[in-house]
């Protein structure tokens, strides 16, 4: 067995590391590592495995190597390089401070640009909010003034166009203003909506809170009278209005006469009345008594009480009703049938069928005014299935009374300054549209 070395002789170290064991290229980190050597006058017993005479077993320890696993060893460890020879160390290179400085300058400049952009956006948002607030305030003030001066039940809707608003206010000139007024009373009807659009308005005021008036060089407007409002106000839920054609309205409704419902039809022609008004003329009025007869008020040849064509065809097929009609001389005279032909038809069924089956007989029968015949022979209506009291109620219902149910008119107000005139009237599916235009209108003081 080998006896351990117990000599107390201390090996004398040189002033520095062995030049043969130190690489030729020195770096500041190598010099820093050299400071970790045992100084002069260190204790005899060194680290484990080292004695005064040298290491006990294994190769001699490198003075530059620190203890295994020390922080200094980790700090001085160099990554393995397959192209590097044993014992060869990488040459030390000074760090490139210039490139790192440029990168740091670009990084530090980016937040400044972002901050500037945020400030610009914030200022733009604040200016926009201030502009919109001033716009809303001006619109509300204008709506309240229009409501008071026009005595409206509800405030109109005012929309000021153009952006920004504050620059227009400073220039005292607005690009466009759109005003919508709902439910404007106009004589017998209510105008559903009145819309006016003005452009190039010159305002008189010192700000959105001190606008005294405005001058409207030109304005275009539209008035809508809807069929729904006409049904409610003119028809009292019994008459409905609809478009019949260019400038014409069809009215359909019902009346209760002598305990029976009578269907009413009328055509109203809408036309312009002067420069600021419209009016209607009602014609084509008729009252239908089921599918039996039609009554048209008036004294013309087409007016009066007439059998419908389906009803006249049914009557010609019933011998009893035909003989009852031919038994009235006045009716026979109106039919234009010779007396001999009538007498022969009353006694011969074949001649009766030939007479009533002739096309001219059916046409003449529908053209006879039964109201004139029934005045002297009320039994004729009874044989036809018409209550005489109904005819009495129909004759009392005059043409003006029926026309008054469907007629309406209104005029647009005359402005205190400038000109406002009506351009045209049109009938559309939703109602009557009236187009107006104005120039040189002065609003306010």
Protein backbone atom coordinates (compact mmCIF):
# COMPACT_ATOMS: atom_id res chain seq x y z
CA UNK A 1 0.00 0.00 0.00
CA UNK A 2 1.22 3.37 -0.85
CA UNK A 3 2.02 5.60 2.07
CA UNK A 4 0.61 9.14 1.79
CA UNK A 5 3.03 11.92 1.58
CA UNK A 6 3.32 13.78 4.88
CA UNK A 7 6.23 16.00 4.22
CA UNK A 8 5.97 19.45 5.65
CA UNK A 9 8.15 20.91 2.93
CA UNK A 10 6.35 23.73 1.13
CA UNK A 11 6.79 24.18 -2.52
CA UNK A 12 7.94 27.65 -3.38
CA UNK A 13 5.71 29.39 -5.97
CA UNK A 14 6.94 31.94 -8.37
CA UNK A 15 5.76 35.50 -8.51
CA UNK A 16 3.31 34.73 -11.29
CA UNK A 17 1.93 31.93 -13.28
CA UNK A 18 4.15 29.76 -15.40
CA UNK A 19 4.67 31.40 -18.76
CA UNK A 20 4.58 27.99 -20.41
CA UNK A 21 1.06 27.36 -19.14
CA UNK A 22 -0.48 30.80 -19.91
CA UNK A 23 -1.70 31.55 -23.40
CA UNK A 24 0.21 34.09 -25.37
CA UNK A 25 -2.85 36.30 -25.92
CA UNK A 26 -3.81 37.86 -22.62
CA UNK A 27 -7.10 39.52 -21.95
CA UNK A 28 -8.22 41.57 -19.00
CA UNK A 29 -10.31 38.63 -17.89
CA UNK A 30 -7.14 36.41 -17.75
CA UNK A 31 -5.44 38.98 -15.57
CA UNK A 32 -8.48 39.07 -13.37
CA UNK A 33 -8.34 35.27 -13.07
CA UNK A 34 -4.70 35.39 -12.04
CA UNK A 35 -5.67 37.27 -8.90
CA UNK A 36 -7.36 34.11 -7.63
CA UNK A 37 -3.91 32.39 -7.02
CA UNK A 38 -2.77 31.78 -3.45
CA UNK A 39 -0.77 34.84 -2.27
CA UNK A 40 2.59 34.63 -0.66
CA UNK A 41 2.55 33.35 2.90
CA UNK A 42 -0.55 31.18 2.33
CA UNK A 43 -1.04 28.21 4.65
CA UNK A 44 0.85 25.02 3.95
CA UNK A 45 -2.25 23.02 3.32
CA UNK A 46 -3.83 24.10 0.05
CA UNK A 47 -6.92 22.91 -1.61
CA UNK A 48 -7.73 19.25 -1.63
CA UNK A 49 -5.27 17.24 -3.80
CA UNK A 50 -2.44 19.80 -3.58
CA UNK A 51 0.52 19.54 -1.21
CA UNK A 52 3.77 21.40 -0.82
CA UNK A 53 5.51 19.04 -3.13
CA UNK A 54 2.70 19.05 -5.71
CA UNK A 55 -0.45 17.11 -6.36
CA UNK A 56 -0.80 13.67 -4.82
CA UNK A 57 -2.48 12.00 -7.75
CA UNK A 58 -3.21 13.09 -11.28
CA UNK A 59 -1.80 15.93 -13.30
CA UNK A 60 -0.78 19.18 -11.83
CA UNK A 61 -3.59 21.73 -11.27
CA UNK A 62 -3.59 24.85 -13.38
CA UNK A 63 -2.99 27.93 -11.27
CA UNK A 64 -5.53 29.80 -13.37
CA UNK A 65 -8.21 27.23 -12.65
CA UNK A 66 -10.35 28.05 -9.68
CA UNK A 67 -12.16 25.55 -7.57
CA UNK A 68 -14.44 23.21 -9.46
CA UNK A 69 -17.85 24.69 -9.93
CA UNK A 70 -16.87 28.17 -8.72
CA UNK A 71 -18.53 31.32 -10.10
CA UNK A 72 -15.24 32.39 -11.57
CA UNK A 73 -15.02 29.17 -13.53
CA UNK A 74 -18.51 29.76 -14.96
CA UNK A 75 -17.58 33.32 -15.82
CA UNK A 76 -14.35 32.32 -17.66
CA UNK A 77 -15.86 29.30 -19.45
CA UNK A 78 -15.58 29.61 -23.21
CA UNK A 79 -18.01 27.79 -25.57
CA UNK A 80 -16.46 24.87 -27.41
CA UNK A 81 -15.34 25.61 -30.92
CA UNK A 82 -14.71 22.62 -33.21
CA UNK A 83 -12.15 24.58 -35.26
CA UNK A 84 -10.13 25.66 -32.23
CA UNK A 85 -6.91 23.76 -31.39
CA UNK A 86 -6.25 22.43 -27.91
CA UNK A 87 -4.87 25.12 -25.66
CA UNK A 88 -5.82 27.88 -28.13
CA UNK A 89 -8.03 30.66 -26.82
CA UNK A 90 -10.11 33.14 -28.78
CA UNK A 91 -8.51 36.48 -29.40
CA UNK A 92 -10.09 39.22 -27.35
CA UNK A 93 -12.02 41.86 -29.28
CA UNK A 94 -13.21 45.20 -27.89
CA UNK A 95 -17.02 45.65 -27.80
CA UNK A 96 -18.72 47.75 -30.54
CA UNK A 97 -20.27 50.57 -28.57
CA UNK A 98 -21.16 52.63 -31.67
CA UNK A 99 -23.75 50.17 -33.10
CA UNK A 100 -25.31 49.62 -29.73
CA UNK A 101 -25.59 53.36 -29.23
CA UNK A 102 -27.40 53.85 -32.55
CA UNK A 103 -29.88 51.12 -31.72
CA UNK A 104 -30.50 52.70 -28.35
CA UNK A 105 -31.17 56.10 -29.98
CA UNK A 106 -33.81 54.72 -32.33
CA UNK A 107 -35.49 52.88 -29.47
CA UNK A 108 -35.57 55.94 -27.29
CA UNK A 109 -36.98 58.13 -30.15
CA UNK A 110 -39.97 55.89 -30.87
CA UNK A 111 -41.90 56.61 -27.63
CA UNK A 112 -41.51 60.34 -28.27
CA UNK A 113 -43.21 60.01 -31.65
CA UNK A 114 -45.94 57.93 -30.10
CA UNK A 115 -46.53 60.48 -27.39
CA UNK A 116 -46.70 63.24 -29.99
CA UNK A 117 -49.18 61.23 -32.05
CA UNK A 118 -51.33 60.58 -28.99
CA UNK A 119 -51.38 64.28 -28.15
CA UNK A 120 -52.34 65.19 -31.70
CA UNK A 121 -55.15 62.64 -31.76
CA UNK A 122 -56.40 63.76 -28.35
CA UNK A 123 -56.43 67.39 -29.43
CA UNK A 124 -58.29 66.47 -32.64
CA UNK A 125 -60.88 64.53 -30.64
CA UNK A 126 -61.41 67.44 -28.28
CA UNK A 127 -61.82 69.90 -31.15
CA UNK A 128 -64.27 67.54 -32.89
CA UNK A 129 -66.29 67.10 -29.70
CA UNK A 130 -66.43 70.85 -29.20
CA UNK A 131 -67.57 71.32 -32.81
CA UNK A 132 -70.31 68.67 -32.47
CA UNK A 133 -71.47 70.11 -29.16
CA UNK A 134 -71.79 73.58 -30.69
CA UNK A 135 -73.68 72.06 -33.65
CA UNK A 136 -76.16 70.23 -31.43
CA UNK A 137 -76.70 73.32 -29.32
CA UNK A 138 -77.37 75.49 -32.38
CA UNK A 139 -79.81 72.90 -33.80
CA UNK A 140 -81.70 72.73 -30.51
CA UNK A 141 -81.96 76.51 -30.22
CA UNK A 142 -83.22 76.79 -33.81
CA UNK A 143 -85.82 74.07 -33.23
CA UNK A 144 -87.14 75.78 -30.09
CA UNK A 145 -87.42 79.15 -31.85
CA UNK A 146 -89.30 77.62 -34.80
CA UNK A 147 -91.69 75.88 -32.44
CA UNK A 148 -92.52 79.11 -30.61
CA UNK A 149 -92.89 81.29 -33.71
CA UNK A 150 -94.93 78.79 -35.74
CA UNK A 151 -97.02 77.71 -32.72
CA UNK A 152 -96.28 74.03 -33.30
CA UNK A 153 -97.31 71.23 -30.98
CA UNK A 154 -93.90 69.55 -31.30
CA UNK A 155 -90.43 70.90 -31.93
CA UNK A 156 -89.25 70.43 -35.52
CA UNK A 157 -86.14 68.52 -36.49
CA UNK A 158 -83.25 70.76 -37.55
CA UNK A 159 -80.13 69.36 -39.23
CA UNK A 160 -77.20 71.64 -40.11
CA UNK A 161 -74.92 70.24 -42.80
CA UNK A 162 -71.25 70.77 -43.48
CA UNK A 163 -68.12 70.12 -41.38
CA UNK A 164 -66.73 71.68 -39.33
CA UNK A 165 -69.53 73.80 -37.92
CA UNK A 166 -67.39 76.28 -35.98
CA UNK A 167 -65.60 77.50 -39.09
CA UNK A 168 -68.98 78.08 -40.76
CA UNK A 169 -70.11 79.97 -37.70
CA UNK A 170 -67.02 82.16 -37.77
CA UNK A 171 -67.61 82.81 -41.47
CA UNK A 172 -71.33 83.46 -40.72
CA UNK A 173 -72.41 81.26 -43.57
CA UNK A 174 -73.94 77.78 -43.32
CA UNK A 175 -73.61 75.25 -46.11
CA UNK A 176 -77.08 73.71 -45.71
CA UNK A 177 -79.93 73.43 -43.21
CA UNK A 178 -82.72 70.84 -43.37
CA UNK A 179 -85.89 71.40 -41.33
CA UNK A 180 -88.60 68.76 -40.89
CA UNK A 181 -91.89 69.76 -39.24
CA UNK A 182 -94.42 67.01 -38.47
CA UNK A 183 -98.20 67.34 -38.14
CA UNK A 184 -98.89 70.87 -39.34
CA UNK A 185 -102.62 71.86 -39.17
CA UNK A 186 -104.03 73.07 -42.51
CA UNK A 187 -107.79 73.77 -42.47
CA UNK A 188 -109.64 70.41 -42.66
CA UNK A 189 -106.56 68.22 -42.90
CA UNK A 190 -103.24 67.89 -41.15
CA UNK A 191 -100.09 68.00 -43.20
CA UNK A 192 -98.21 64.87 -42.29
CA UNK A 193 -94.76 66.33 -42.86
CA UNK A 194 -93.27 69.58 -44.12
CA UNK A 195 -89.62 69.40 -45.18
CA UNK A 196 -87.48 72.37 -46.27
CA UNK A 197 -83.83 72.40 -47.34
CA UNK A 198 -81.93 75.70 -47.58
CA UNK A 199 -78.38 76.29 -48.84
CA UNK A 200 -75.89 79.12 -48.54
CA UNK A 201 -77.56 80.61 -45.46
CA UNK A 202 -76.14 83.86 -44.11
CA UNK A 203 -76.55 84.11 -40.36
CA UNK A 204 -76.64 87.16 -38.14
CA UNK A 205 -75.13 86.47 -34.72
CA UNK A 206 -72.02 86.32 -32.60
CA UNK A 207 -71.97 82.61 -31.80
CA UNK A 208 -74.11 79.52 -31.35
CA UNK A 209 -75.76 81.11 -28.31
CA UNK A 210 -76.42 84.51 -29.94
CA UNK A 211 -77.94 83.91 -33.38
CA UNK A 212 -80.43 86.68 -34.11
CA UNK A 213 -81.61 85.68 -37.57
CA UNK A 214 -80.72 84.30 -40.97
CA UNK A 215 -81.18 85.10 -44.64
CA UNK A 216 -82.10 82.19 -46.92
CA UNK A 217 -81.19 82.96 -50.54
CA UNK A 218 -82.98 79.89 -51.90
CA UNK A 219 -85.01 77.05 -50.47
CA UNK A 220 -86.74 73.91 -51.76
CA UNK A 221 -89.47 72.20 -49.77
CA UNK A 222 -91.93 69.35 -49.90
CA UNK A 223 -95.31 68.92 -48.19
CA UNK A 224 -96.74 65.44 -47.65
CA UNK A 225 -100.43 64.79 -47.01
CA UNK A 226 -100.61 61.07 -46.35
CA UNK A 227 -103.62 58.93 -47.17
CA UNK A 228 -103.56 57.58 -43.61
CA UNK A 229 -104.24 61.08 -42.20
CA UNK A 230 -106.91 61.71 -44.83
CA UNK A 231 -108.66 58.47 -43.90
CA UNK A 232 -108.65 59.44 -40.24
CA UNK A 233 -109.72 63.07 -40.65
CA UNK A 234 -111.95 63.08 -43.72
CA UNK A 235 -113.32 59.59 -43.74
CA UNK A 236 -113.73 59.12 -39.98
CA UNK A 237 -112.49 55.52 -40.41
CA UNK A 238 -115.28 54.84 -42.96
CA UNK A 239 -113.60 56.10 -46.12
CA UNK A 240 -110.21 55.11 -47.48
CA UNK A 241 -108.18 57.12 -49.98
CA UNK A 242 -105.74 55.72 -52.52
CA UNK A 243 -103.88 56.84 -55.63
CA UNK A 244 -105.96 56.59 -58.79
CA UNK A 245 -103.52 58.11 -61.28
CA UNK A 246 -101.56 61.31 -61.96
CA UNK A 247 -103.27 63.96 -59.85
CA UNK A 248 -106.27 61.78 -58.99
CA UNK A 249 -107.42 60.09 -55.78
CA UNK A 250 -109.90 57.24 -55.40
CA UNK A 251 -112.13 57.35 -52.29
CA UNK A 252 -113.98 54.25 -51.11
CA UNK A 253 -116.27 54.10 -48.10
CA UNK A 254 -119.69 53.17 -46.77
CA UNK A 255 -122.80 54.98 -45.55
CA UNK A 256 -125.70 53.78 -43.45
CA UNK A 257 -128.97 54.74 -45.18
CA UNK A 258 -132.46 53.45 -44.27
CA UNK A 259 -131.00 50.64 -42.24
CA UNK A 260 -128.79 49.42 -45.08
CA UNK A 261 -125.08 49.83 -45.82
CA UNK A 262 -124.43 51.65 -49.06
CA UNK A 263 -120.97 51.57 -50.59
CA UNK A 264 -119.64 54.96 -51.70
CA UNK A 265 -117.11 55.63 -54.46
CA UNK A 266 -115.71 58.95 -55.63
CA UNK A 267 -112.81 60.34 -57.62
CA UNK A 268 -111.07 63.50 -56.45
CA UNK A 269 -108.86 65.53 -58.76
CA UNK A 270 -106.09 67.44 -56.97
CA UNK A 271 -104.92 70.63 -58.64
CA UNK A 272 -102.89 73.73 -57.86
CA UNK A 273 -104.86 76.76 -56.72
CA UNK A 274 -102.77 79.85 -57.37
CA UNK A 275 -99.14 80.11 -56.27
CA UNK A 276 -99.60 78.92 -52.70
CA UNK A 277 -102.65 76.65 -52.51
CA UNK A 278 -104.16 73.36 -53.69
CA UNK A 279 -107.79 72.31 -53.99
CA UNK A 280 -109.81 69.24 -54.98
CA UNK A 281 -112.81 68.67 -57.20
CA UNK A 282 -114.84 65.53 -56.55
CA UNK A 283 -116.52 63.77 -59.45
CA UNK A 284 -117.45 60.26 -60.47
CA UNK A 285 -119.51 59.79 -57.29
CA UNK A 286 -121.67 56.68 -57.02
CA UNK A 287 -123.39 54.68 -54.30
CA UNK A 288 -123.73 50.94 -54.81
CA UNK A 289 -126.76 49.15 -53.33
CA UNK A 290 -125.16 45.75 -53.25
CA UNK A 291 -124.98 44.36 -56.78
CA UNK A 292 -128.59 45.34 -57.52
CA UNK A 293 -128.45 49.04 -58.40
CA UNK A 294 -126.19 52.08 -58.48
CA UNK A 295 -127.16 55.60 -57.52
CA UNK A 296 -125.35 58.64 -58.93
CA UNK A 297 -126.45 61.99 -57.52
CA UNK A 298 -127.24 64.63 -60.07
CA UNK A 299 -129.62 65.39 -62.89
CA UNK A 300 -127.59 64.32 -65.92
CA UNK A 301 -128.43 61.34 -68.14
CA UNK A 302 -125.94 59.12 -66.31
CA UNK A 303 -127.21 60.18 -62.85
CA UNK A 304 -130.01 58.59 -60.89
CA UNK A 305 -130.82 55.00 -59.88
CA UNK A 306 -129.85 52.33 -62.42
CA UNK A 307 -129.86 48.57 -62.39
CA UNK A 308 -126.49 46.93 -62.64
CA UNK A 309 -125.87 44.70 -65.64
CA UNK A 310 -125.77 41.46 -63.60
CA UNK A 311 -129.06 42.41 -61.88
CA UNK A 312 -130.75 43.28 -65.21
CA UNK A 313 -129.65 39.94 -66.66
CA UNK A 314 -131.16 38.07 -63.73
CA UNK A 315 -134.46 39.98 -64.08
CA UNK A 316 -134.80 39.12 -67.78
CA UNK A 317 -134.62 35.45 -66.84
CA UNK A 318 -137.54 35.73 -64.37
CA UNK A 319 -140.84 36.02 -66.23
CA UNK A 320 -142.83 37.41 -63.28
CA UNK A 321 -140.46 40.38 -62.74
CA UNK A 322 -140.26 41.14 -66.46
CA UNK A 323 -144.05 41.17 -66.82
CA UNK A 324 -144.28 43.49 -63.78
CA UNK A 325 -141.89 45.94 -65.41
CA UNK A 326 -143.63 45.77 -68.80
CA UNK A 327 -146.92 46.44 -67.04
CA UNK A 328 -145.80 50.03 -66.28
CA UNK A 329 -146.48 52.19 -69.36
CA UNK A 330 -143.97 54.86 -68.41
CA UNK A 331 -141.21 52.27 -68.11
CA UNK A 332 -142.17 50.71 -71.43
CA UNK A 333 -142.01 54.14 -73.00
CA UNK A 334 -138.49 54.70 -71.58
CA UNK A 335 -137.43 51.30 -72.92
CA UNK A 336 -138.54 52.30 -76.38
CA UNK A 337 -140.45 49.07 -77.07
CA UNK A 338 -143.59 49.31 -79.26
CA UNK A 339 -146.87 48.76 -77.45
CA UNK A 340 -147.91 45.92 -79.79
CA UNK A 341 -144.69 44.05 -79.15
CA UNK A 342 -145.19 44.45 -75.41
CA UNK A 343 -148.81 43.20 -75.52
CA UNK A 344 -147.78 40.17 -77.59
CA UNK A 345 -144.92 39.37 -75.22
CA UNK A 346 -147.20 39.54 -72.20
CA UNK A 347 -149.47 36.84 -73.71
CA UNK A 348 -146.83 34.61 -75.34
CA UNK A 349 -143.89 33.18 -73.42
CA UNK A 350 -141.80 32.60 -76.56
CA UNK A 351 -142.19 36.20 -77.69
CA UNK A 352 -141.38 37.33 -74.15
CA UNK A 353 -138.12 35.36 -74.16
CA UNK A 354 -137.23 36.67 -77.62
CA UNK A 355 -137.90 40.22 -76.44
CA UNK A 356 -135.95 40.03 -73.18
CA UNK A 357 -133.13 38.01 -74.76
CA UNK A 358 -132.39 40.66 -77.35
CA UNK A 359 -129.10 42.55 -76.62
CA UNK A 360 -130.74 45.94 -77.06
CA UNK A 361 -133.35 45.19 -74.35
CA UNK A 362 -130.70 44.49 -71.68
CA UNK A 363 -128.81 47.65 -72.61
CA UNK A 364 -131.96 49.80 -72.49
CA UNK A 365 -133.04 48.30 -69.18
CA UNK A 366 -129.78 49.28 -67.45
CA UNK A 367 -130.11 52.81 -68.88
CA UNK A 368 -133.51 53.53 -67.36
CA UNK A 369 -133.50 55.87 -64.36
CA UNK A 370 -135.63 53.96 -61.88
CA UNK A 371 -135.78 56.96 -59.55
CA UNK A 372 -138.05 58.83 -61.98
CA UNK A 373 -140.29 55.79 -62.49
CA UNK A 374 -140.48 54.96 -58.80
CA UNK A 375 -141.82 58.38 -57.92
CA UNK A 376 -145.10 57.52 -59.67
CA UNK A 377 -144.95 53.74 -59.31
CA UNK A 378 -143.27 52.73 -56.01
CA UNK A 379 -144.32 49.11 -56.56
CA UNK A 380 -141.71 48.78 -59.27
CA UNK A 381 -138.90 49.02 -56.70
CA UNK A 382 -140.62 46.56 -54.43
CA UNK A 383 -140.82 44.02 -57.27
CA UNK A 384 -137.11 44.57 -57.91
CA UNK A 385 -136.24 44.09 -54.23
CA UNK A 386 -135.41 47.75 -53.42
CA UNK A 387 -136.89 49.41 -50.35
CA UNK A 388 -138.63 52.68 -51.41
CA UNK A 389 -137.44 54.36 -48.20
CA UNK A 390 -133.86 53.79 -49.37
CA UNK A 391 -134.56 55.69 -52.55
CA UNK A 392 -135.99 58.55 -50.48
CA UNK A 393 -132.79 58.70 -48.40
CA UNK A 394 -130.64 58.61 -51.52
CA UNK A 395 -132.45 61.49 -53.18
CA UNK A 396 -131.97 63.61 -50.06
CA UNK A 397 -128.22 62.97 -50.22
CA UNK A 398 -127.21 65.66 -52.67
CA UNK A 399 -124.06 65.79 -54.72
CA UNK A 400 -122.47 68.64 -52.72
CA UNK A 401 -123.04 66.71 -49.52
CA UNK A 402 -121.19 63.71 -50.87
CA UNK A 403 -118.44 65.84 -52.39
CA UNK A 404 -117.91 67.61 -49.08
CA UNK A 405 -116.92 64.32 -47.49
CA UNK A 406 -113.91 63.98 -49.78
CA UNK A 407 -112.94 67.54 -50.70
CA UNK A 408 -110.01 69.30 -49.02
CA UNK A 409 -107.80 72.29 -49.64
CA UNK A 410 -104.97 74.18 -47.97
CA UNK A 411 -102.63 77.07 -48.61
CA UNK A 412 -99.00 77.54 -47.66
CA UNK A 413 -98.43 80.67 -45.53
CA UNK A 414 -97.14 83.86 -47.06
CA UNK A 415 -93.66 84.74 -45.71
CA UNK A 416 -93.02 88.22 -44.25
CA UNK A 417 -90.18 88.72 -46.72
CA UNK A 418 -89.09 87.04 -49.91
CA UNK A 419 -91.16 84.82 -52.19
CA UNK A 420 -92.63 81.38 -51.53
CA UNK A 421 -94.61 79.65 -54.24
CA UNK A 422 -96.01 76.24 -55.07
CA UNK A 423 -94.40 74.53 -58.03
CA UNK A 424 -96.39 71.32 -58.64
CA UNK A 425 -98.66 68.70 -57.08
CA UNK A 426 -98.26 64.94 -57.47
CA UNK A 427 -100.17 61.93 -56.16
CA UNK A 428 -98.05 59.00 -55.06
CA UNK A 429 -98.75 55.71 -53.33
CA UNK A 430 -98.31 57.19 -49.85
CA UNK A 431 -100.27 60.41 -50.38
CA UNK A 432 -100.30 63.83 -51.97
CA UNK A 433 -96.91 65.53 -52.47
CA UNK A 434 -96.72 69.30 -52.90
CA UNK A 435 -93.40 70.83 -53.99
CA UNK A 436 -92.59 74.44 -53.10
CA UNK A 437 -89.65 76.79 -53.58
CA UNK A 438 -88.62 80.08 -52.00
CA UNK A 439 -86.11 82.88 -52.49
CA UNK A 440 -84.87 85.71 -50.28
CA UNK A 441 -86.52 84.44 -47.10
CA UNK A 442 -85.70 86.19 -43.84
CA UNK A 443 -85.87 84.13 -40.65
CA UNK A 444 -85.75 85.78 -37.24
CA UNK A 445 -84.88 89.39 -36.64
